[in-house]
Amino acid sequence: MDLVLQTFIDCIFSIQRVLVGTTIAIIIGVLLGIARNFLPKKIKNNKIVNFIFEFPRFPPPIGWVPIVILFLGINEFSAYFIVFIGAFPPIFINTYSGIRDIPETYKNTARSMELSIWNYAYHVIFKSALPQIFVGIQVGVGMGWMSVIAAEMLSGENGLGYAIELYTLNLQFGLTVLNMIIIGIIGFFLSELVCFFKRLIIPWHDLGENND
């Protein structure tokens, strides 16, 4: 019974960390992805600016763990930050490309209707990019989940990653495999949760895919 309770508590710790870190990544990633599209063309195409925006997606999140521990210590904020690093790049990139790739015919039609800035930004730009944004969020949640497990294995005091490390050191391989299965199941349901919100917020997109 104690093992079941401890596993449940570890699940709660890991899920809470990934939800907080990913939520922060969604807010910042979407806002920066939108903002990048409205930079002047000369700045947007600048190599240095491109490097600043593209650099975060290349280093693996687990590589940041020692640096984060060095500067922030072993605490909840460090776990949130590592999840953020894992989840941010796909959310930012998909938001940026989702807006960038909106057909010019959509934009020109909206301008001819003389929509207000708010209606143009929300109904034309943001809603058109939402399907791509949700792709980024779904990938980001998966990356965030992998990142938090890796962080807990290296420096955690609780959570599923810490449990795997502990069971492995104690040669309890059956419990290690059990926790791996639990991690896979939770990761699947987190991905499905994003799909649920996607269907809830933009049901027309799934209808269009089914018609195709």
C-alpha atoms as a PDB file:
ATOM      1  CA  MET A   1       0.000   0.000   0.000  1.00  0.00           C
ATOM      2  CA  ASP A   2       2.875   2.346   0.834  1.00  0.00           C
ATOM      3  CA  LEU A   3       4.375   1.667  -2.597  1.00  0.00           C
ATOM      4  CA  VAL A   4       1.092   2.520  -4.347  1.00  0.00           C
ATOM      5  CA  LEU A   5       0.762   5.747  -2.343  1.00  0.00           C
ATOM      6  CA  GLN A   6       4.377   6.737  -3.008  1.00  0.00           C
ATOM      7  CA  THR A   7       3.988   6.076  -6.741  1.00  0.00           C
ATOM      8  CA  PHE A   8       0.820   8.173  -6.793  1.00  0.00           C
ATOM      9  CA  ILE A   9       2.621  11.034  -5.014  1.00  0.00           C
ATOM     10  CA  ASP A  10       5.532  10.789  -7.468  1.00  0.00           C
ATOM     11  CA  CYS A  11       3.053  10.993 -10.362  1.00  0.00           C
ATOM     12  CA  ILE A  12       1.485  14.127  -8.872  1.00  0.00           C
ATOM     13  CA  PHE A  13       4.878  15.819  -8.433  1.00  0.00           C
ATOM     14  CA  SER A  14       5.965  15.058 -12.015  1.00  0.00           C
ATOM     15  CA  ILE A  15       2.640  16.038 -13.602  1.00  0.00           C
ATOM     16  CA  GLN A  16       2.479  19.273 -11.610  1.00  0.00           C
ATOM     17  CA  ARG A  17       5.986  20.237 -12.730  1.00  0.00           C
ATOM     18  CA  VAL A  18       5.300  19.568 -16.397  1.00  0.00           C
ATOM     19  CA  LEU A  19       1.970  21.430 -16.317  1.00  0.00           C
ATOM     20  CA  VAL A  20       3.494  24.533 -14.712  1.00  0.00           C
ATOM     21  CA  GLY A  21       6.584  24.578 -16.928  1.00  0.00           C
ATOM     22  CA  THR A  22       4.619  23.907 -20.111  1.00  0.00           C
ATOM     23  CA  THR A  23       2.002  26.550 -19.298  1.00  0.00           C
ATOM     24  CA  ILE A  24       4.760  29.143 -18.961  1.00  0.00           C
ATOM     25  CA  ALA A  25       6.274  27.903 -22.242  1.00  0.00           C
ATOM     26  CA  ILE A  26       2.894  28.206 -24.002  1.00  0.00           C
ATOM     27  CA  ILE A  27       2.370  31.788 -22.827  1.00  0.00           C
ATOM     28  CA  ILE A  28       5.873  32.998 -23.690  1.00  0.00           C
ATOM     29  CA  GLY A  29       6.249  30.844 -26.827  1.00  0.00           C
ATOM     30  CA  VAL A  30       2.963  31.972 -28.384  1.00  0.00           C
ATOM     31  CA  LEU A  31       3.556  35.645 -27.567  1.00  0.00           C
ATOM     32  CA  LEU A  32       7.114  35.612 -28.942  1.00  0.00           C
ATOM     33  CA  GLY A  33       6.038  33.604 -32.003  1.00  0.00           C
ATOM     34  CA  ILE A  34       3.403  36.223 -32.780  1.00  0.00           C
ATOM     35  CA  ALA A  35       5.782  39.112 -32.069  1.00  0.00           C
ATOM     36  CA  ARG A  36       8.483  37.729 -34.371  1.00  0.00           C
ATOM     37  CA  ASN A  37       6.097  37.848 -37.333  1.00  0.00           C
ATOM     38  CA  PHE A  38       5.517  41.559 -36.834  1.00  0.00           C
ATOM     39  CA  LEU A  39       9.170  42.541 -36.708  1.00  0.00           C
ATOM     40  CA  PRO A  40      10.324  44.746 -39.602  1.00  0.00           C
ATOM     41  CA  LYS A  41      11.431  42.554 -42.513  1.00  0.00           C
ATOM     42  CA  LYS A  42      15.008  43.805 -42.310  1.00  0.00           C
ATOM     43  CA  ILE A  43      15.265  42.786 -38.646  1.00  0.00           C
ATOM     44  CA  LYS A  44      13.308  39.535 -39.082  1.00  0.00           C
ATOM     45  CA  ASN A  45      15.722  38.320 -41.784  1.00  0.00           C
ATOM     46  CA  ASN A  46      18.838  39.417 -39.897  1.00  0.00           C
ATOM     47  CA  LYS A  47      21.212  36.484 -39.273  1.00  0.00           C
ATOM     48  CA  ILE A  48      21.912  37.482 -35.674  1.00  0.00           C
ATOM     49  CA  VAL A  49      18.203  37.798 -34.885  1.00  0.00           C
ATOM     50  CA  ASN A  50      17.574  34.405 -36.514  1.00  0.00           C
ATOM     51  CA  PHE A  51      20.364  32.907 -34.399  1.00  0.00           C
ATOM     52  CA  ILE A  52      18.858  34.301 -31.187  1.00  0.00           C
ATOM     53  CA  PHE A  53      15.455  32.837 -32.010  1.00  0.00           C
ATOM     54  CA  GLU A  54      16.683  29.495 -33.389  1.00  0.00           C
ATOM     55  CA  PHE A  55      19.474  28.699 -30.911  1.00  0.00           C
ATOM     56  CA  PRO A  56      17.287  27.430 -27.999  1.00  0.00           C
ATOM     57  CA  ARG A  57      15.925  24.483 -29.999  1.00  0.00           C
ATOM     58  CA  PHE A  58      19.291  22.805 -30.617  1.00  0.00           C
ATOM     59  CA  PRO A  59      20.833  22.029 -27.185  1.00  0.00           C
ATOM     60  CA  PRO A  60      19.062  19.013 -25.604  1.00  0.00           C
ATOM     61  CA  PRO A  61      17.082  19.966 -22.457  1.00  0.00           C
ATOM     62  CA  ILE A  62      18.981  17.423 -20.344  1.00  0.00           C
ATOM     63  CA  GLY A  63      22.205  19.278 -21.187  1.00  0.00           C
ATOM     64  CA  TRP A  64      20.891  22.306 -19.309  1.00  0.00           C
ATOM     65  CA  VAL A  65      20.384  20.368 -16.057  1.00  0.00           C
ATOM     66  CA  PRO A  66      23.919  20.871 -14.587  1.00  0.00           C
ATOM     67  CA  ILE A  67      23.886  24.570 -15.535  1.00  0.00           C
ATOM     68  CA  VAL A  68      20.438  25.116 -14.019  1.00  0.00           C
ATOM     69  CA  ILE A  69      21.467  23.326 -10.811  1.00  0.00           C
ATOM     70  CA  LEU A  70      24.652  25.403 -10.622  1.00  0.00           C
ATOM     71  CA  PHE A  71      22.836  28.738 -10.870  1.00  0.00           C
ATOM     72  CA  LEU A  72      19.413  27.948  -9.398  1.00  0.00           C
ATOM     73  CA  GLY A  73      20.073  25.007  -7.087  1.00  0.00           C
ATOM     74  CA  ILE A  74      17.898  21.922  -6.640  1.00  0.00           C
ATOM     75  CA  ASN A  75      14.353  23.202  -6.183  1.00  0.00           C
ATOM     76  CA  GLU A  76      10.961  23.361  -7.857  1.00  0.00           C
ATOM     77  CA  PHE A  77      11.843  26.439  -9.890  1.00  0.00           C
ATOM     78  CA  SER A  78      14.764  24.546 -11.448  1.00  0.00           C
ATOM     79  CA  ALA A  79      12.399  21.744 -12.501  1.00  0.00           C
ATOM     80  CA  TYR A  80       9.957  24.263 -14.001  1.00  0.00           C
ATOM     81  CA  PHE A  81      12.795  25.942 -15.882  1.00  0.00           C
ATOM     82  CA  ILE A  82      14.062  22.671 -17.380  1.00  0.00           C
ATOM     83  CA  VAL A  83      10.524  21.785 -18.509  1.00  0.00           C
ATOM     84  CA  PHE A  84      10.232  25.275 -20.008  1.00  0.00           C
ATOM     85  CA  ILE A  85      13.482  24.796 -21.947  1.00  0.00           C
ATOM     86  CA  GLY A  86      12.168  21.526 -23.375  1.00  0.00           C
ATOM     87  CA  ALA A  87       8.677  22.756 -24.231  1.00  0.00           C
ATOM     88  CA  PHE A  88       9.407  26.282 -25.478  1.00  0.00           C
ATOM     89  CA  PRO A  89      11.147  25.699 -28.878  1.00  0.00           C
ATOM     90  CA  PRO A  90       8.398  23.666 -30.635  1.00  0.00           C
ATOM     91  CA  ILE A  91       5.678  25.995 -29.342  1.00  0.00           C
ATOM     92  CA  PHE A  92       7.530  29.116 -30.444  1.00  0.00           C
ATOM     93  CA  ILE A  93       8.557  27.718 -33.844  1.00  0.00           C
ATOM     94  CA  ASN A  94       5.083  26.400 -34.696  1.00  0.00           C
ATOM     95  CA  THR A  95       3.435  29.661 -33.646  1.00  0.00           C
ATOM     96  CA  TYR A  96       5.839  31.643 -35.802  1.00  0.00           C
ATOM     97  CA  SER A  97       5.485  29.363 -38.845  1.00  0.00           C
ATOM     98  CA  GLY A  98       1.712  29.071 -38.374  1.00  0.00           C
ATOM     99  CA  ILE A  99       1.316  32.835 -38.703  1.00  0.00           C
ATOM    100  CA  ARG A 100       3.994  33.213 -41.375  1.00  0.00           C
ATOM    101  CA  ASP A 101       2.335  30.620 -43.616  1.00  0.00           C
ATOM    102  CA  ILE A 102      -1.170  32.120 -43.550  1.00  0.00           C
ATOM    103  CA  PRO A 103      -2.158  32.542 -47.240  1.00  0.00           C
ATOM    104  CA  GLU A 104      -1.965  36.112 -48.483  1.00  0.00           C
ATOM    105  CA  THR A 105      -5.476  35.725 -49.919  1.00  0.00           C
ATOM    106  CA  TYR A 106      -6.831  35.427 -46.356  1.00  0.00           C
ATOM    107  CA  LYS A 107      -5.042  38.593 -45.315  1.00  0.00           C
ATOM    108  CA  ASN A 108      -6.047  40.560 -48.415  1.00  0.00           C
ATOM    109  CA  THR A 109      -9.685  39.502 -48.088  1.00  0.00           C
ATOM    110  CA  ALA A 110      -9.713  40.570 -44.447  1.00  0.00           C
ATOM    111  CA  ARG A 111      -8.167  43.939 -45.310  1.00  0.00           C
ATOM    112  CA  SER A 112     -10.760  44.535 -48.022  1.00  0.00           C
ATOM    113  CA  MET A 113     -13.473  44.017 -45.395  1.00  0.00           C
ATOM    114  CA  GLU A 114     -11.904  46.831 -43.338  1.00  0.00           C
ATOM    115  CA  LEU A 115     -11.832  44.815 -40.128  1.00  0.00           C
ATOM    116  CA  SER A 116     -10.666  46.474 -36.938  1.00  0.00           C
ATOM    117  CA  ILE A 117      -7.121  45.700 -35.800  1.00  0.00           C
ATOM    118  CA  TRP A 118      -8.460  43.454 -33.017  1.00  0.00           C
ATOM    119  CA  ASN A 119     -10.783  41.495 -35.324  1.00  0.00           C
ATOM    120  CA  TYR A 120      -8.034  41.145 -37.925  1.00  0.00           C
ATOM    121  CA  ALA A 121      -5.468  39.973 -35.359  1.00  0.00           C
ATOM    122  CA  TYR A 122      -7.812  37.555 -33.593  1.00  0.00           C
ATOM    123  CA  HIS A 123     -10.157  36.187 -36.259  1.00  0.00           C
ATOM    124  CA  VAL A 124      -7.745  36.133 -39.197  1.00  0.00           C
ATOM    125  CA  ILE A 125      -4.211  35.842 -37.835  1.00  0.00           C
ATOM    126  CA  PHE A 126      -4.584  34.010 -34.523  1.00  0.00           C
ATOM    127  CA  LYS A 127      -7.413  31.650 -35.492  1.00  0.00           C
ATOM    128  CA  SER A 128      -5.735  30.713 -38.771  1.00  0.00           C
ATOM    129  CA  ALA A 129      -2.548  29.835 -36.899  1.00  0.00           C
ATOM    130  CA  LEU A 130      -4.266  27.900 -34.078  1.00  0.00           C
ATOM    131  CA  PRO A 131      -4.003  24.428 -35.682  1.00  0.00           C
ATOM    132  CA  GLN A 132      -0.247  24.867 -36.091  1.00  0.00           C
ATOM    133  CA  ILE A 133       0.049  26.321 -32.584  1.00  0.00           C
ATOM    134  CA  PHE A 134      -1.633  23.216 -31.171  1.00  0.00           C
ATOM    135  CA  VAL A 135       0.866  21.043 -33.050  1.00  0.00           C
ATOM    136  CA  GLY A 136       3.619  22.937 -31.245  1.00  0.00           C
ATOM    137  CA  ILE A 137       1.860  22.582 -27.892  1.00  0.00           C
ATOM    138  CA  GLN A 138       1.421  18.833 -28.367  1.00  0.00           C
ATOM    139  CA  VAL A 139       5.106  18.391 -29.201  1.00  0.00           C
ATOM    140  CA  GLY A 140       6.049  20.793 -26.401  1.00  0.00           C
ATOM    141  CA  VAL A 141       4.090  18.836 -23.793  1.00  0.00           C
ATOM    142  CA  GLY A 142       5.890  15.655 -24.861  1.00  0.00           C
ATOM    143  CA  MET A 143       9.285  17.363 -24.717  1.00  0.00           C
ATOM    144  CA  GLY A 144       8.437  18.904 -21.349  1.00  0.00           C
ATOM    145  CA  TRP A 145       7.403  15.512 -19.970  1.00  0.00           C
ATOM    146  CA  MET A 146      10.669  13.890 -21.125  1.00  0.00           C
ATOM    147  CA  SER A 147      12.640  16.839 -19.744  1.00  0.00           C
ATOM    148  CA  VAL A 148      11.132  16.687 -16.255  1.00  0.00           C
ATOM    149  CA  ILE A 149      11.721  12.926 -15.989  1.00  0.00           C
ATOM    150  CA  ALA A 150      15.362  13.388 -17.020  1.00  0.00           C
ATOM    151  CA  ALA A 151      15.788  16.273 -14.559  1.00  0.00           C
ATOM    152  CA  GLU A 152      14.300  14.231 -11.709  1.00  0.00           C
ATOM    153  CA  MET A 153      16.616  11.320 -12.506  1.00  0.00           C
ATOM    154  CA  LEU A 154      19.689  13.543 -12.263  1.00  0.00           C
ATOM    155  CA  SER A 155      18.782  15.900  -9.444  1.00  0.00           C
ATOM    156  CA  GLY A 156      15.317  15.175  -8.109  1.00  0.00           C
ATOM    157  CA  GLU A 157      14.192  14.498  -4.569  1.00  0.00           C
ATOM    158  CA  ASN A 158      10.830  13.087  -5.651  1.00  0.00           C
ATOM    159  CA  GLY A 159       8.875  12.365  -8.825  1.00  0.00           C
ATOM    160  CA  LEU A 160       8.830   9.466 -11.269  1.00  0.00           C
ATOM    161  CA  GLY A 161      12.320  10.168 -12.618  1.00  0.00           C
ATOM    162  CA  TYR A 162      13.750  10.135  -9.100  1.00  0.00           C
ATOM    163  CA  ALA A 163      11.881   6.878  -8.369  1.00  0.00           C
ATOM    164  CA  ILE A 164      13.394   5.215 -11.450  1.00  0.00           C
ATOM    165  CA  GLU A 165      16.889   6.283 -10.411  1.00  0.00           C
ATOM    166  CA  LEU A 166      16.318   5.054  -6.844  1.00  0.00           C
ATOM    167  CA  TYR A 167      14.903   1.680  -7.907  1.00  0.00           C
ATOM    168  CA  THR A 168      17.729   1.170 -10.401  1.00  0.00           C
ATOM    169  CA  LEU A 169      20.389   1.864  -7.757  1.00  0.00           C
ATOM    170  CA  ASN A 170      18.664  -0.615  -5.431  1.00  0.00           C
ATOM    171  CA  LEU A 171      18.515  -3.199  -8.254  1.00  0.00           C
ATOM    172  CA  GLN A 172      14.705  -3.221  -8.138  1.00  0.00           C
ATOM    173  CA  PHE A 173      14.365  -3.591 -11.887  1.00  0.00           C
ATOM    174  CA  GLY A 174      10.733  -4.708 -11.760  1.00  0.00           C
ATOM    175  CA  LEU A 175       9.749  -1.404 -10.144  1.00  0.00           C
ATOM    176  CA  THR A 176      11.947   0.461 -12.629  1.00  0.00           C
ATOM    177  CA  VAL A 177      10.068  -1.106 -15.550  1.00  0.00           C
ATOM    178  CA  LEU A 178       6.727  -0.435 -13.832  1.00  0.00           C
ATOM    179  CA  ASN A 179       7.568   3.262 -13.497  1.00  0.00           C
ATOM    180  CA  MET A 180       8.675   3.388 -17.134  1.00  0.00           C
ATOM    181  CA  ILE A 181       5.275   2.020 -18.133  1.00  0.00           C
ATOM    182  CA  ILE A 182       3.535   4.601 -15.921  1.00  0.00           C
ATOM    183  CA  ILE A 183       5.602   7.383 -17.530  1.00  0.00           C
ATOM    184  CA  GLY A 184       4.538   6.197 -20.985  1.00  0.00           C
ATOM    185  CA  ILE A 185       0.868   6.026 -20.000  1.00  0.00           C
ATOM    186  CA  ILE A 186       0.876   9.510 -18.456  1.00  0.00           C
ATOM    187  CA  GLY A 187       2.723  10.923 -21.478  1.00  0.00           C
ATOM    188  CA  PHE A 188       0.063   9.455 -23.757  1.00  0.00           C
ATOM    189  CA  PHE A 189      -2.774  10.957 -21.716  1.00  0.00           C
ATOM    190  CA  LEU A 190      -1.069  14.365 -21.596  1.00  0.00           C
ATOM    191  CA  SER A 191      -0.862  14.290 -25.400  1.00  0.00           C
ATOM    192  CA  GLU A 192      -4.518  13.275 -25.607  1.00  0.00           C
ATOM    193  CA  LEU A 193      -5.406  16.121 -23.237  1.00  0.00           C
ATOM    194  CA  VAL A 194      -3.930  18.598 -25.724  1.00  0.00           C
ATOM    195  CA  CYS A 195      -5.968  16.951 -28.511  1.00  0.00           C
ATOM    196  CA  PHE A 196      -9.095  17.272 -26.363  1.00  0.00           C
ATOM    197  CA  PHE A 197      -8.566  21.008 -25.909  1.00  0.00           C
ATOM    198  CA  LYS A 198      -7.815  21.345 -29.615  1.00  0.00           C
ATOM    199  CA  ARG A 199     -11.156  19.718 -30.505  1.00  0.00           C
ATOM    200  CA  LEU A 200     -12.870  21.899 -27.922  1.00  0.00           C
ATOM    201  CA  ILE A 201     -11.360  25.193 -29.110  1.00  0.00           C
ATOM    202  CA  ILE A 202     -11.145  24.608 -32.879  1.00  0.00           C
ATOM    203  CA  PRO A 203     -13.671  21.845 -33.696  1.00  0.00           C
ATOM    204  CA  TRP A 204     -13.882  23.095 -37.276  1.00  0.00           C
ATOM    205  CA  HIS A 205     -10.306  21.972 -37.934  1.00  0.00           C
ATOM    206  CA  ASP A 206     -11.006  18.303 -37.193  1.00  0.00           C
ATOM    207  CA  LEU A 207     -14.198  18.482 -39.250  1.00  0.00           C
ATOM    208  CA  GLY A 208     -12.191  19.804 -42.185  1.00  0.00           C
ATOM    209  CA  GLU A 209      -9.647  16.983 -41.833  1.00  0.00           C
ATOM    210  CA  ASN A 210     -12.410  14.360 -41.725  1.00  0.00           C
ATOM    211  CA  ASN A 211     -13.997  15.790 -44.866  1.00  0.00           C
ATOM    212  CA  ASP A 212     -10.675  15.537 -46.639  1.00  0.00           C
END
